[in-house]
PDB file of N, CA and C in Angstrom:
ATOM      1  N   MET A   1     -24.123  15.258 136.365  1.00  0.00           N
ATOM      2  CA  MET A   1     -23.520  16.562 136.510  1.00  0.00           C
ATOM      3  C   MET A   1     -22.950  17.003 135.171  1.00  0.00           C
ATOM      4  N   ILE A   2     -23.170  18.232 134.832  1.00  0.00           N
ATOM      5  CA  ILE A   2     -22.732  18.765 133.544  1.00  0.00           C
ATOM      6  C   ILE A   2     -21.426  19.539 133.728  1.00  0.00           C
ATOM      7  N   THR A   3     -20.490  19.328 132.818  1.00  0.00           N
ATOM      8  CA  THR A   3     -19.215  20.040 132.879  1.00  0.00           C
ATOM      9  C   THR A   3     -19.368  21.427 132.268  1.00  0.00           C
ATOM     10  N   SER A   4     -18.360  22.266 132.450  1.00  0.00           N
ATOM     11  CA  SER A   4     -18.416  23.625 131.907  1.00  0.00           C
ATOM     12  C   SER A   4     -18.423  23.609 130.376  1.00  0.00           C
ATOM     13  N   LYS A   5     -17.733  22.645 129.784  1.00  0.00           N
ATOM     14  CA  LYS A   5     -17.721  22.523 128.319  1.00  0.00           C
ATOM     15  C   LYS A   5     -19.117  22.167 127.799  1.00  0.00           C
ATOM     16  N   GLN A   6     -19.776  21.239 128.479  1.00  0.00           N
ATOM     17  CA  GLN A   6     -21.127  20.843 128.078  1.00  0.00           C
ATOM     18  C   GLN A   6     -22.110  21.997 128.309  1.00  0.00           C
ATOM     19  N   ARG A   7     -21.931  22.724 129.411  1.00  0.00           N
ATOM     20  CA  ARG A   7     -22.795  23.877 129.710  1.00  0.00           C
ATOM     21  C   ARG A   7     -22.657  24.947 128.616  1.00  0.00           C
ATOM     22  N   ALA A   8     -21.428  25.203 128.184  1.00  0.00           N
ATOM     23  CA  ALA A   8     -21.193  26.177 127.117  1.00  0.00           C
ATOM     24  C   ALA A   8     -21.838  25.730 125.813  1.00  0.00           C
ATOM     25  N   PHE A   9     -21.762  24.442 125.522  1.00  0.00           N
ATOM     26  CA  PHE A   9     -22.396  23.889 124.324  1.00  0.00           C
ATOM     27  C   PHE A   9     -23.911  24.105 124.368  1.00  0.00           C
ATOM     28  N   LEU A  10     -24.521  23.827 125.525  1.00  0.00           N
ATOM     29  CA  LEU A  10     -25.970  23.982 125.674  1.00  0.00           C
ATOM     30  C   LEU A  10     -26.378  25.461 125.634  1.00  0.00           C
ATOM     31  N   ARG A  11     -25.560  26.340 126.182  1.00  0.00           N
ATOM     32  CA  ARG A  11     -25.849  27.775 126.101  1.00  0.00           C
ATOM     33  C   ARG A  11     -25.874  28.239 124.654  1.00  0.00           C
ATOM     34  N   GLY A  12     -24.947  27.716 123.860  1.00  0.00           N
ATOM     35  CA  GLY A  12     -24.928  28.050 122.438  1.00  0.00           C
ATOM     36  C   GLY A  12     -26.180  27.583 121.719  1.00  0.00           C
ATOM     37  N   LEU A  13     -26.656  26.384 122.061  1.00  0.00           N
ATOM     38  CA  LEU A  13     -27.890  25.881 121.446  1.00  0.00           C
ATOM     39  C   LEU A  13     -29.108  26.694 121.884  1.00  0.00           C
ATOM     40  N   SER A  14     -29.078  27.198 123.099  1.00  0.00           N
ATOM     41  CA  SER A  14     -30.257  27.910 123.626  1.00  0.00           C
ATOM     42  C   SER A  14     -30.427  29.291 123.022  1.00  0.00           C
ATOM     43  N   ASN A  15     -29.397  29.814 122.367  1.00  0.00           N
ATOM     44  CA  ASN A  15     -29.510  31.148 121.778  1.00  0.00           C
ATOM     45  C   ASN A  15     -30.587  31.228 120.714  1.00  0.00           C
ATOM     46  N   THR A  16     -30.853  30.139 120.037  1.00  0.00           N
ATOM     47  CA  THR A  16     -31.786  30.170 118.913  1.00  0.00           C
ATOM     48  C   THR A  16     -33.223  29.809 119.299  1.00  0.00           C
ATOM     49  N   ILE A  17     -33.448  29.324 120.517  1.00  0.00           N
ATOM     50  CA  ILE A  17     -34.805  28.911 120.868  1.00  0.00           C
ATOM     51  C   ILE A  17     -35.560  30.044 121.559  1.00  0.00           C
ATOM     52  N   GLN A  18     -36.865  30.027 121.419  1.00  0.00           N
ATOM     53  CA  GLN A  18     -37.737  31.014 122.037  1.00  0.00           C
ATOM     54  C   GLN A  18     -38.251  30.471 123.364  1.00  0.00           C
ATOM     55  N   PRO A  19     -38.609  31.357 124.301  1.00  0.00           N
ATOM     56  CA  PRO A  19     -39.182  30.896 125.570  1.00  0.00           C
ATOM     57  C   PRO A  19     -40.480  30.121 125.346  1.00  0.00           C
ATOM     58  N   THR A  20     -40.605  28.990 126.041  1.00  0.00           N
ATOM     59  CA  THR A  20     -41.806  28.175 125.897  1.00  0.00           C
ATOM     60  C   THR A  20     -42.803  28.422 127.019  1.00  0.00           C
ATOM     61  N   THR A  21     -42.324  28.954 128.143  1.00  0.00           N
ATOM     62  CA  THR A  21     -43.178  29.190 129.299  1.00  0.00           C
ATOM     63  C   THR A  21     -42.851  30.542 129.900  1.00  0.00           C
ATOM     64  N   HIS A  22     -43.886  31.207 130.407  1.00  0.00           N
ATOM     65  CA  HIS A  22     -43.711  32.490 131.089  1.00  0.00           C
ATOM     66  C   HIS A  22     -44.146  32.326 132.537  1.00  0.00           C
ATOM     67  N   VAL A  23     -43.354  32.879 133.456  1.00  0.00           N
ATOM     68  CA  VAL A  23     -43.695  32.884 134.870  1.00  0.00           C
ATOM     69  C   VAL A  23     -44.153  34.292 135.203  1.00  0.00           C
ATOM     70  N   GLY A  24     -45.419  34.420 135.638  1.00  0.00           N
ATOM     71  CA  GLY A  24     -46.002  35.725 135.894  1.00  0.00           C
ATOM     72  C   GLY A  24     -46.090  36.086 137.353  1.00  0.00           C
ATOM     73  N   LYS A  25     -47.076  36.908 137.683  1.00  0.00           N
ATOM     74  CA  LYS A  25     -47.174  37.460 139.035  1.00  0.00           C
ATOM     75  C   LYS A  25     -47.490  36.417 140.102  1.00  0.00           C
ATOM     76  N   GLU A  26     -48.040  35.291 139.710  1.00  0.00           N
ATOM     77  CA  GLU A  26     -48.313  34.228 140.677  1.00  0.00           C
ATOM     78  C   GLU A  26     -47.041  33.496 141.096  1.00  0.00           C
ATOM     79  N   GLY A  27     -45.968  33.668 140.338  1.00  0.00           N
ATOM     80  CA  GLY A  27     -44.710  32.999 140.654  1.00  0.00           C
ATOM     81  C   GLY A  27     -44.691  31.563 140.157  1.00  0.00           C
ATOM     82  N   ILE A  28     -43.944  30.731 140.847  1.00  0.00           N
ATOM     83  CA  ILE A  28     -43.807  29.322 140.453  1.00  0.00           C
ATOM     84  C   ILE A  28     -44.914  28.529 141.143  1.00  0.00           C
ATOM     85  N   THR A  29     -45.942  28.230 140.382  1.00  0.00           N
ATOM     86  CA  THR A  29     -47.078  27.479 140.910  1.00  0.00           C
ATOM     87  C   THR A  29     -47.036  26.053 140.376  1.00  0.00           C
ATOM     88  N   ASP A  30     -47.940  25.232 140.882  1.00  0.00           N
ATOM     89  CA  ASP A  30     -48.018  23.855 140.399  1.00  0.00           C
ATOM     90  C   ASP A  30     -48.358  23.797 138.918  1.00  0.00           C
ATOM     91  N   SER A  31     -49.196  24.718 138.460  1.00  0.00           N
ATOM     92  CA  SER A  31     -49.566  24.715 137.044  1.00  0.00           C
ATOM     93  C   SER A  31     -48.377  25.093 136.162  1.00  0.00           C
ATOM     94  N   VAL A  32     -47.527  25.994 136.630  1.00  0.00           N
ATOM     95  CA  VAL A  32     -46.327  26.349 135.879  1.00  0.00           C
ATOM     96  C   VAL A  32     -45.390  25.150 135.811  1.00  0.00           C
ATOM     97  N   ILE A  33     -45.211  24.474 136.931  1.00  0.00           N
ATOM     98  CA  ILE A  33     -44.332  23.293 136.970  1.00  0.00           C
ATOM     99  C   ILE A  33     -44.884  22.198 136.069  1.00  0.00           C
ATOM    100  N   ASP A  34     -46.205  21.975 136.099  1.00  0.00           N
ATOM    101  CA  ASP A  34     -46.817  20.973 135.222  1.00  0.00           C
ATOM    102  C   ASP A  34     -46.623  21.317 133.753  1.00  0.00           C
ATOM    103  N   SER A  35     -46.765  22.602 133.414  1.00  0.00           N
ATOM    104  CA  SER A  35     -46.587  23.045 132.041  1.00  0.00           C
ATOM    105  C   SER A  35     -45.144  22.807 131.572  1.00  0.00           C
ATOM    106  N   ILE A  36     -44.195  23.129 132.427  1.00  0.00           N
ATOM    107  CA  ILE A  36     -42.787  22.923 132.065  1.00  0.00           C
ATOM    108  C   ILE A  36     -42.482  21.436 131.968  1.00  0.00           C
ATOM    109  N   GLU A  37     -43.042  20.651 132.865  1.00  0.00           N
ATOM    110  CA  GLU A  37     -42.846  19.194 132.834  1.00  0.00           C
ATOM    111  C   GLU A  37     -43.352  18.609 131.519  1.00  0.00           C
ATOM    112  N   GLU A  38     -44.518  19.054 131.065  1.00  0.00           N
ATOM    113  CA  GLU A  38     -45.063  18.571 129.788  1.00  0.00           C
ATOM    114  C   GLU A  38     -44.162  18.955 128.629  1.00  0.00           C
ATOM    115  N   THR A  39     -43.612  20.157 128.681  1.00  0.00           N
ATOM    116  CA  THR A  39     -42.707  20.598 127.624  1.00  0.00           C
ATOM    117  C   THR A  39     -41.427  19.783 127.624  1.00  0.00           C
ATOM    118  N   MET A  40     -40.934  19.442 128.811  1.00  0.00           N
ATOM    119  CA  MET A  40     -39.685  18.689 128.905  1.00  0.00           C
ATOM    120  C   MET A  40     -39.832  17.231 128.499  1.00  0.00           C
ATOM    121  N   ILE A  41     -41.051  16.782 128.302  1.00  0.00           N
ATOM    122  CA  ILE A  41     -41.257  15.434 127.781  1.00  0.00           C
ATOM    123  C   ILE A  41     -40.848  15.383 126.308  1.00  0.00           C
ATOM    124  N   THR A  42     -41.068  16.490 125.591  1.00  0.00           N
ATOM    125  CA  THR A  42     -40.758  16.512 124.167  1.00  0.00           C
ATOM    126  C   THR A  42     -39.473  17.251 123.832  1.00  0.00           C
ATOM    127  N   ARG A  43     -38.976  18.070 124.751  1.00  0.00           N
ATOM    128  CA  ARG A  43     -37.750  18.837 124.504  1.00  0.00           C
ATOM    129  C   ARG A  43     -36.771  18.637 125.645  1.00  0.00           C
ATOM    130  N   GLU A  44     -35.512  18.553 125.297  1.00  0.00           N
ATOM    131  CA  GLU A  44     -34.491  18.412 126.324  1.00  0.00           C
ATOM    132  C   GLU A  44     -34.035  19.763 126.858  1.00  0.00           C
ATOM    133  N   LEU A  45     -34.064  20.770 126.022  1.00  0.00           N
ATOM    134  CA  LEU A  45     -33.575  22.105 126.358  1.00  0.00           C
ATOM    135  C   LEU A  45     -34.712  23.095 126.196  1.00  0.00           C
ATOM    136  N   ILE A  46     -35.037  23.815 127.271  1.00  0.00           N
ATOM    137  CA  ILE A  46     -36.123  24.795 127.182  1.00  0.00           C
ATOM    138  C   ILE A  46     -35.679  26.128 127.770  1.00  0.00           C
ATOM    139  N   LYS A  47     -36.363  27.172 127.313  1.00  0.00           N
ATOM    140  CA  LYS A  47     -36.106  28.512 127.821  1.00  0.00           C
ATOM    141  C   LYS A  47     -37.382  29.020 128.460  1.00  0.00           C
ATOM    142  N   ILE A  48     -37.231  29.652 129.624  1.00  0.00           N
ATOM    143  CA  ILE A  48     -38.362  30.168 130.388  1.00  0.00           C
ATOM    144  C   ILE A  48     -38.137  31.661 130.591  1.00  0.00           C
ATOM    145  N   LYS A  49     -39.198  32.439 130.459  1.00  0.00           N
ATOM    146  CA  LYS A  49     -39.111  33.886 130.662  1.00  0.00           C
ATOM    147  C   LYS A  49     -39.832  34.266 131.940  1.00  0.00           C
ATOM    148  N   LEU A  50     -39.142  35.046 132.780  1.00  0.00           N
ATOM    149  CA  LEU A  50     -39.754  35.597 133.987  1.00  0.00           C
ATOM    150  C   LEU A  50     -40.294  36.980 133.642  1.00  0.00           C
ATOM    151  N   LEU A  51     -41.555  37.202 133.904  1.00  0.00           N
ATOM    152  CA  LEU A  51     -42.123  38.519 133.691  1.00  0.00           C
ATOM    153  C   LEU A  51     -41.706  39.443 134.832  1.00  0.00           C
ATOM    154  N   ASP A  52     -41.741  40.738 134.574  1.00  0.00           N
ATOM    155  CA  ASP A  52     -41.281  41.712 135.580  1.00  0.00           C
ATOM    156  C   ASP A  52     -42.056  41.636 136.880  1.00  0.00           C
ATOM    157  N   ASN A  53     -43.335  41.298 136.803  1.00  0.00           N
ATOM    158  CA  ASN A  53     -44.164  41.277 138.006  1.00  0.00           C
ATOM    159  C   ASN A  53     -44.114  39.947 138.761  1.00  0.00           C
ATOM    160  N   SER A  54     -43.195  39.058 138.401  1.00  0.00           N
ATOM    161  CA  SER A  54     -43.122  37.759 139.083  1.00  0.00           C
ATOM    162  C   SER A  54     -42.533  37.886 140.486  1.00  0.00           C
ATOM    163  N   GLY A  55     -41.724  38.899 140.732  1.00  0.00           N
ATOM    164  CA  GLY A  55     -41.145  39.092 142.048  1.00  0.00           C
ATOM    165  C   GLY A  55     -40.009  38.148 142.375  1.00  0.00           C
ATOM    166  N   LEU A  56     -39.488  37.441 141.384  1.00  0.00           N
ATOM    167  CA  LEU A  56     -38.399  36.489 141.585  1.00  0.00           C
ATOM    168  C   LEU A  56     -37.188  36.911 140.766  1.00  0.00           C
ATOM    169  N   SER A  57     -36.013  36.583 141.260  1.00  0.00           N
ATOM    170  CA  SER A  57     -34.824  36.756 140.429  1.00  0.00           C
ATOM    171  C   SER A  57     -34.675  35.499 139.574  1.00  0.00           C
ATOM    172  N   SER A  58     -33.951  35.633 138.487  1.00  0.00           N
ATOM    173  CA  SER A  58     -33.809  34.466 137.599  1.00  0.00           C
ATOM    174  C   SER A  58     -33.014  33.355 138.281  1.00  0.00           C
ATOM    175  N   LYS A  59     -32.048  33.696 139.125  1.00  0.00           N
ATOM    176  CA  LYS A  59     -31.267  32.660 139.808  1.00  0.00           C
ATOM    177  C   LYS A  59     -32.109  31.906 140.827  1.00  0.00           C
ATOM    178  N   GLU A  60     -32.963  32.621 141.557  1.00  0.00           N
ATOM    179  CA  GLU A  60     -33.866  31.959 142.508  1.00  0.00           C
ATOM    180  C   GLU A  60     -34.792  30.997 141.782  1.00  0.00           C
ATOM    181  N   ALA A  61     -35.446  31.526 140.756  1.00  0.00           N
ATOM    182  CA  ALA A  61     -36.410  30.719 140.016  1.00  0.00           C
ATOM    183  C   ALA A  61     -35.728  29.547 139.320  1.00  0.00           C
ATOM    184  N   GLY A  62     -34.549  29.768 138.778  1.00  0.00           N
ATOM    185  CA  GLY A  62     -33.821  28.702 138.097  1.00  0.00           C
ATOM    186  C   GLY A  62     -33.467  27.553 139.022  1.00  0.00           C
ATOM    187  N   SER A  63     -33.015  27.872 140.217  1.00  0.00           N
ATOM    188  CA  SER A  63     -32.650  26.790 141.138  1.00  0.00           C
ATOM    189  C   SER A  63     -33.885  26.054 141.653  1.00  0.00           C
ATOM    190  N   VAL A  64     -34.981  26.780 141.908  1.00  0.00           N
ATOM    191  CA  VAL A  64     -36.217  26.130 142.361  1.00  0.00           C
ATOM    192  C   VAL A  64     -36.761  25.206 141.283  1.00  0.00           C
ATOM    193  N   LEU A  65     -36.818  25.713 140.052  1.00  0.00           N
ATOM    194  CA  LEU A  65     -37.345  24.892 138.955  1.00  0.00           C
ATOM    195  C   LEU A  65     -36.459  23.683 138.676  1.00  0.00           C
ATOM    196  N   ALA A  66     -35.153  23.874 138.710  1.00  0.00           N
ATOM    197  CA  ALA A  66     -34.248  22.748 138.464  1.00  0.00           C
ATOM    198  C   ALA A  66     -34.435  21.665 139.520  1.00  0.00           C
ATOM    199  N   ASP A  67     -34.597  22.055 140.769  1.00  0.00           N
ATOM    200  CA  ASP A  67     -34.807  21.071 141.833  1.00  0.00           C
ATOM    201  C   ASP A  67     -36.128  20.329 141.662  1.00  0.00           C
ATOM    202  N   LYS A  68     -37.190  21.071 141.377  1.00  0.00           N
ATOM    203  CA  LYS A  68     -38.514  20.442 141.280  1.00  0.00           C
ATOM    204  C   LYS A  68     -38.671  19.584 140.036  1.00  0.00           C
ATOM    205  N   LEU A  69     -37.933  19.918 138.982  1.00  0.00           N
ATOM    206  CA  LEU A  69     -38.088  19.200 137.717  1.00  0.00           C
ATOM    207  C   LEU A  69     -36.978  18.181 137.467  1.00  0.00           C
ATOM    208  N   ASN A  70     -36.037  18.058 138.408  1.00  0.00           N
ATOM    209  CA  ASN A  70     -34.914  17.141 138.250  1.00  0.00           C
ATOM    210  C   ASN A  70     -34.155  17.453 136.961  1.00  0.00           C
ATOM    211  N   ALA A  71     -33.850  18.748 136.785  1.00  0.00           N
ATOM    212  CA  ALA A  71     -33.169  19.227 135.587  1.00  0.00           C
ATOM    213  C   ALA A  71     -31.926  20.003 135.999  1.00  0.00           C
ATOM    214  N   GLU A  72     -31.145  20.405 135.009  1.00  0.00           N
ATOM    215  CA  GLU A  72     -29.965  21.227 135.225  1.00  0.00           C
ATOM    216  C   GLU A  72     -30.281  22.652 134.790  1.00  0.00           C
ATOM    217  N   CYS A  73     -29.960  23.612 135.637  1.00  0.00           N
ATOM    218  CA  CYS A  73     -30.109  25.010 135.265  1.00  0.00           C
ATOM    219  C   CYS A  73     -28.841  25.393 134.502  1.00  0.00           C
ATOM    220  N   ILE A  74     -28.970  25.643 133.220  1.00  0.00           N
ATOM    221  CA  ILE A  74     -27.833  25.928 132.358  1.00  0.00           C
ATOM    222  C   ILE A  74     -27.439  27.387 132.413  1.00  0.00           C
ATOM    223  N   GLN A  75     -28.444  28.267 132.398  1.00  0.00           N
ATOM    224  CA  GLN A  75     -28.143  29.683 132.361  1.00  0.00           C
ATOM    225  C   GLN A  75     -29.291  30.479 132.953  1.00  0.00           C
ATOM    226  N   CYS A  76     -28.948  31.479 133.745  1.00  0.00           N
ATOM    227  CA  CYS A  76     -29.909  32.452 134.255  1.00  0.00           C
ATOM    228  C   CYS A  76     -29.348  33.822 133.925  1.00  0.00           C
ATOM    229  N   ILE A  77     -29.951  34.458 132.952  1.00  0.00           N
ATOM    230  CA  ILE A  77     -29.437  35.761 132.535  1.00  0.00           C
ATOM    231  C   ILE A  77     -30.615  36.684 132.263  1.00  0.00           C
ATOM    232  N   GLY A  78     -30.591  37.846 132.894  1.00  0.00           N
ATOM    233  CA  GLY A  78     -31.701  38.783 132.749  1.00  0.00           C
ATOM    234  C   GLY A  78     -32.976  38.164 133.259  1.00  0.00           C
ATOM    235  N   SER A  79     -33.968  38.085 132.414  1.00  0.00           N
ATOM    236  CA  SER A  79     -35.247  37.491 132.793  1.00  0.00           C
ATOM    237  C   SER A  79     -35.445  36.108 132.174  1.00  0.00           C
ATOM    238  N   LYS A  80     -34.382  35.520 131.667  1.00  0.00           N
ATOM    239  CA  LYS A  80     -34.481  34.216 130.992  1.00  0.00           C
ATOM    240  C   LYS A  80     -33.756  33.139 131.791  1.00  0.00           C
ATOM    241  N   ILE A  81     -34.328  31.936 131.759  1.00  0.00           N
ATOM    242  CA  ILE A  81     -33.756  30.766 132.400  1.00  0.00           C
ATOM    243  C   ILE A  81     -33.702  29.655 131.361  1.00  0.00           C
ATOM    244  N   VAL A  82     -32.598  28.938 131.315  1.00  0.00           N
ATOM    245  CA  VAL A  82     -32.465  27.806 130.400  1.00  0.00           C
ATOM    246  C   VAL A  82     -32.289  26.551 131.246  1.00  0.00           C
ATOM    247  N   LEU A  83     -33.158  25.565 131.005  1.00  0.00           N
ATOM    248  CA  LEU A  83     -33.103  24.291 131.721  1.00  0.00           C
ATOM    249  C   LEU A  83     -32.827  23.157 130.743  1.00  0.00           C
ATOM    250  N   TYR A  84     -32.094  22.162 131.226  1.00  0.00           N
ATOM    251  CA  TYR A  84     -31.781  20.986 130.409  1.00  0.00           C
ATOM    252  C   TYR A  84     -32.059  19.734 131.226  1.00  0.00           C
ATOM    253  N   ARG A  85     -32.734  18.797 130.598  1.00  0.00           N
ATOM    254  CA  ARG A  85     -32.913  17.461 131.156  1.00  0.00           C
ATOM    255  C   ARG A  85     -32.862  16.504 129.984  1.00  0.00           C
ATOM    256  N   GLY A  86     -31.795  15.725 129.920  1.00  0.00           N
ATOM    257  CA  GLY A  86     -31.587  14.819 128.800  1.00  0.00           C
ATOM    258  C   GLY A  86     -32.569  13.658 128.807  1.00  0.00           C
ATOM    259  N   PHE A  87     -32.891  13.199 127.625  1.00  0.00           N
ATOM    260  CA  PHE A  87     -33.722  12.013 127.502  1.00  0.00           C
ATOM    261  C   PHE A  87     -32.908  10.796 127.877  1.00  0.00           C
ATOM    262  N   ARG A  88     -33.532   9.858 128.559  1.00  0.00           N
ATOM    263  CA  ARG A  88     -32.820   8.636 128.937  1.00  0.00           C
ATOM    264  C   ARG A  88     -32.599   7.742 127.718  1.00  0.00           C
ATOM    265  N   ARG A  89     -33.612   7.673 126.865  1.00  0.00           N
ATOM    266  CA  ARG A  89     -33.501   6.892 125.634  1.00  0.00           C
ATOM    267  C   ARG A  89     -33.548   7.847 124.454  1.00  0.00           C
ATOM    268  N   ASP A  90     -32.785   7.547 123.460  1.00  0.00           N
ATOM    269  CA  ASP A  90     -32.755   8.318 122.207  1.00  0.00           C
ATOM    270  C   ASP A  90     -32.605   9.825 122.455  1.00  0.00           C
ATOM    271  N   PRO A  91     -31.488  10.269 123.035  1.00  0.00           N
ATOM    272  CA  PRO A  91     -31.316  11.709 123.251  1.00  0.00           C
ATOM    273  C   PRO A  91     -31.234  12.468 121.928  1.00  0.00           C
ATOM    274  N   GLN A  92     -31.850  13.638 121.894  1.00  0.00           N
ATOM    275  CA  GLN A  92     -31.802  14.485 120.708  1.00  0.00           C
ATOM    276  C   GLN A  92     -30.527  15.315 120.685  1.00  0.00           C
ATOM    277  N   ILE A  93     -30.053  15.694 121.865  1.00  0.00           N
ATOM    278  CA  ILE A  93     -28.851  16.504 121.980  1.00  0.00           C
ATOM    279  C   ILE A  93     -27.722  15.607 122.490  1.00  0.00           C
ATOM    280  N   ILE A  94     -26.665  15.544 121.698  1.00  0.00           N
ATOM    281  CA  ILE A  94     -25.497  14.762 122.095  1.00  0.00           C
ATOM    282  C   ILE A  94     -24.474  15.730 122.693  1.00  0.00           C
ATOM    283  N   LEU A  95     -24.236  15.586 123.982  1.00  0.00           N
ATOM    284  CA  LEU A  95     -23.294  16.480 124.668  1.00  0.00           C
ATOM    285  C   LEU A  95     -21.855  16.114 124.334  1.00  0.00           C
ATOM    286  N   PRO A  96     -20.967  17.107 124.278  1.00  0.00           N
ATOM    287  CA  PRO A  96     -19.553  16.805 124.067  1.00  0.00           C
ATOM    288  C   PRO A  96     -18.969  16.014 125.238  1.00  0.00           C
ATOM    289  N   ARG A  97     -17.942  15.273 124.964  1.00  0.00           N
ATOM    290  CA  ARG A  97     -17.286  14.487 126.023  1.00  0.00           C
ATOM    291  C   ARG A  97     -16.672  15.424 127.042  1.00  0.00           C
ATOM    292  N   LYS A  98     -16.436  14.886 128.206  1.00  0.00           N
ATOM    293  CA  LYS A  98     -15.861  15.672 129.294  1.00  0.00           C
ATOM    294  C   LYS A  98     -14.462  16.071 128.947  1.00  0.00           C
TER     295      LYS A  98
END
């Protein structure tokens, strides 16, 4: 579980990254989940963009993706979602203490 201080730290880091995956009119499909899963193997923090024709709100999509990917939904704002899943070994992002 991530604390509010850690969440704020991760939100600050996410400001500089570009979206790695786009969710389109098909919504959250297995191929989208597989694509995000592959990205999360190399990155701990990713940004996802929902296209206007996806028919989903960012909060809906963020909670579904976080559940399916065993990740934390850090931020859902506008059409962007930020997900975090720390590496078990050799983490790249060191979270602040609680």
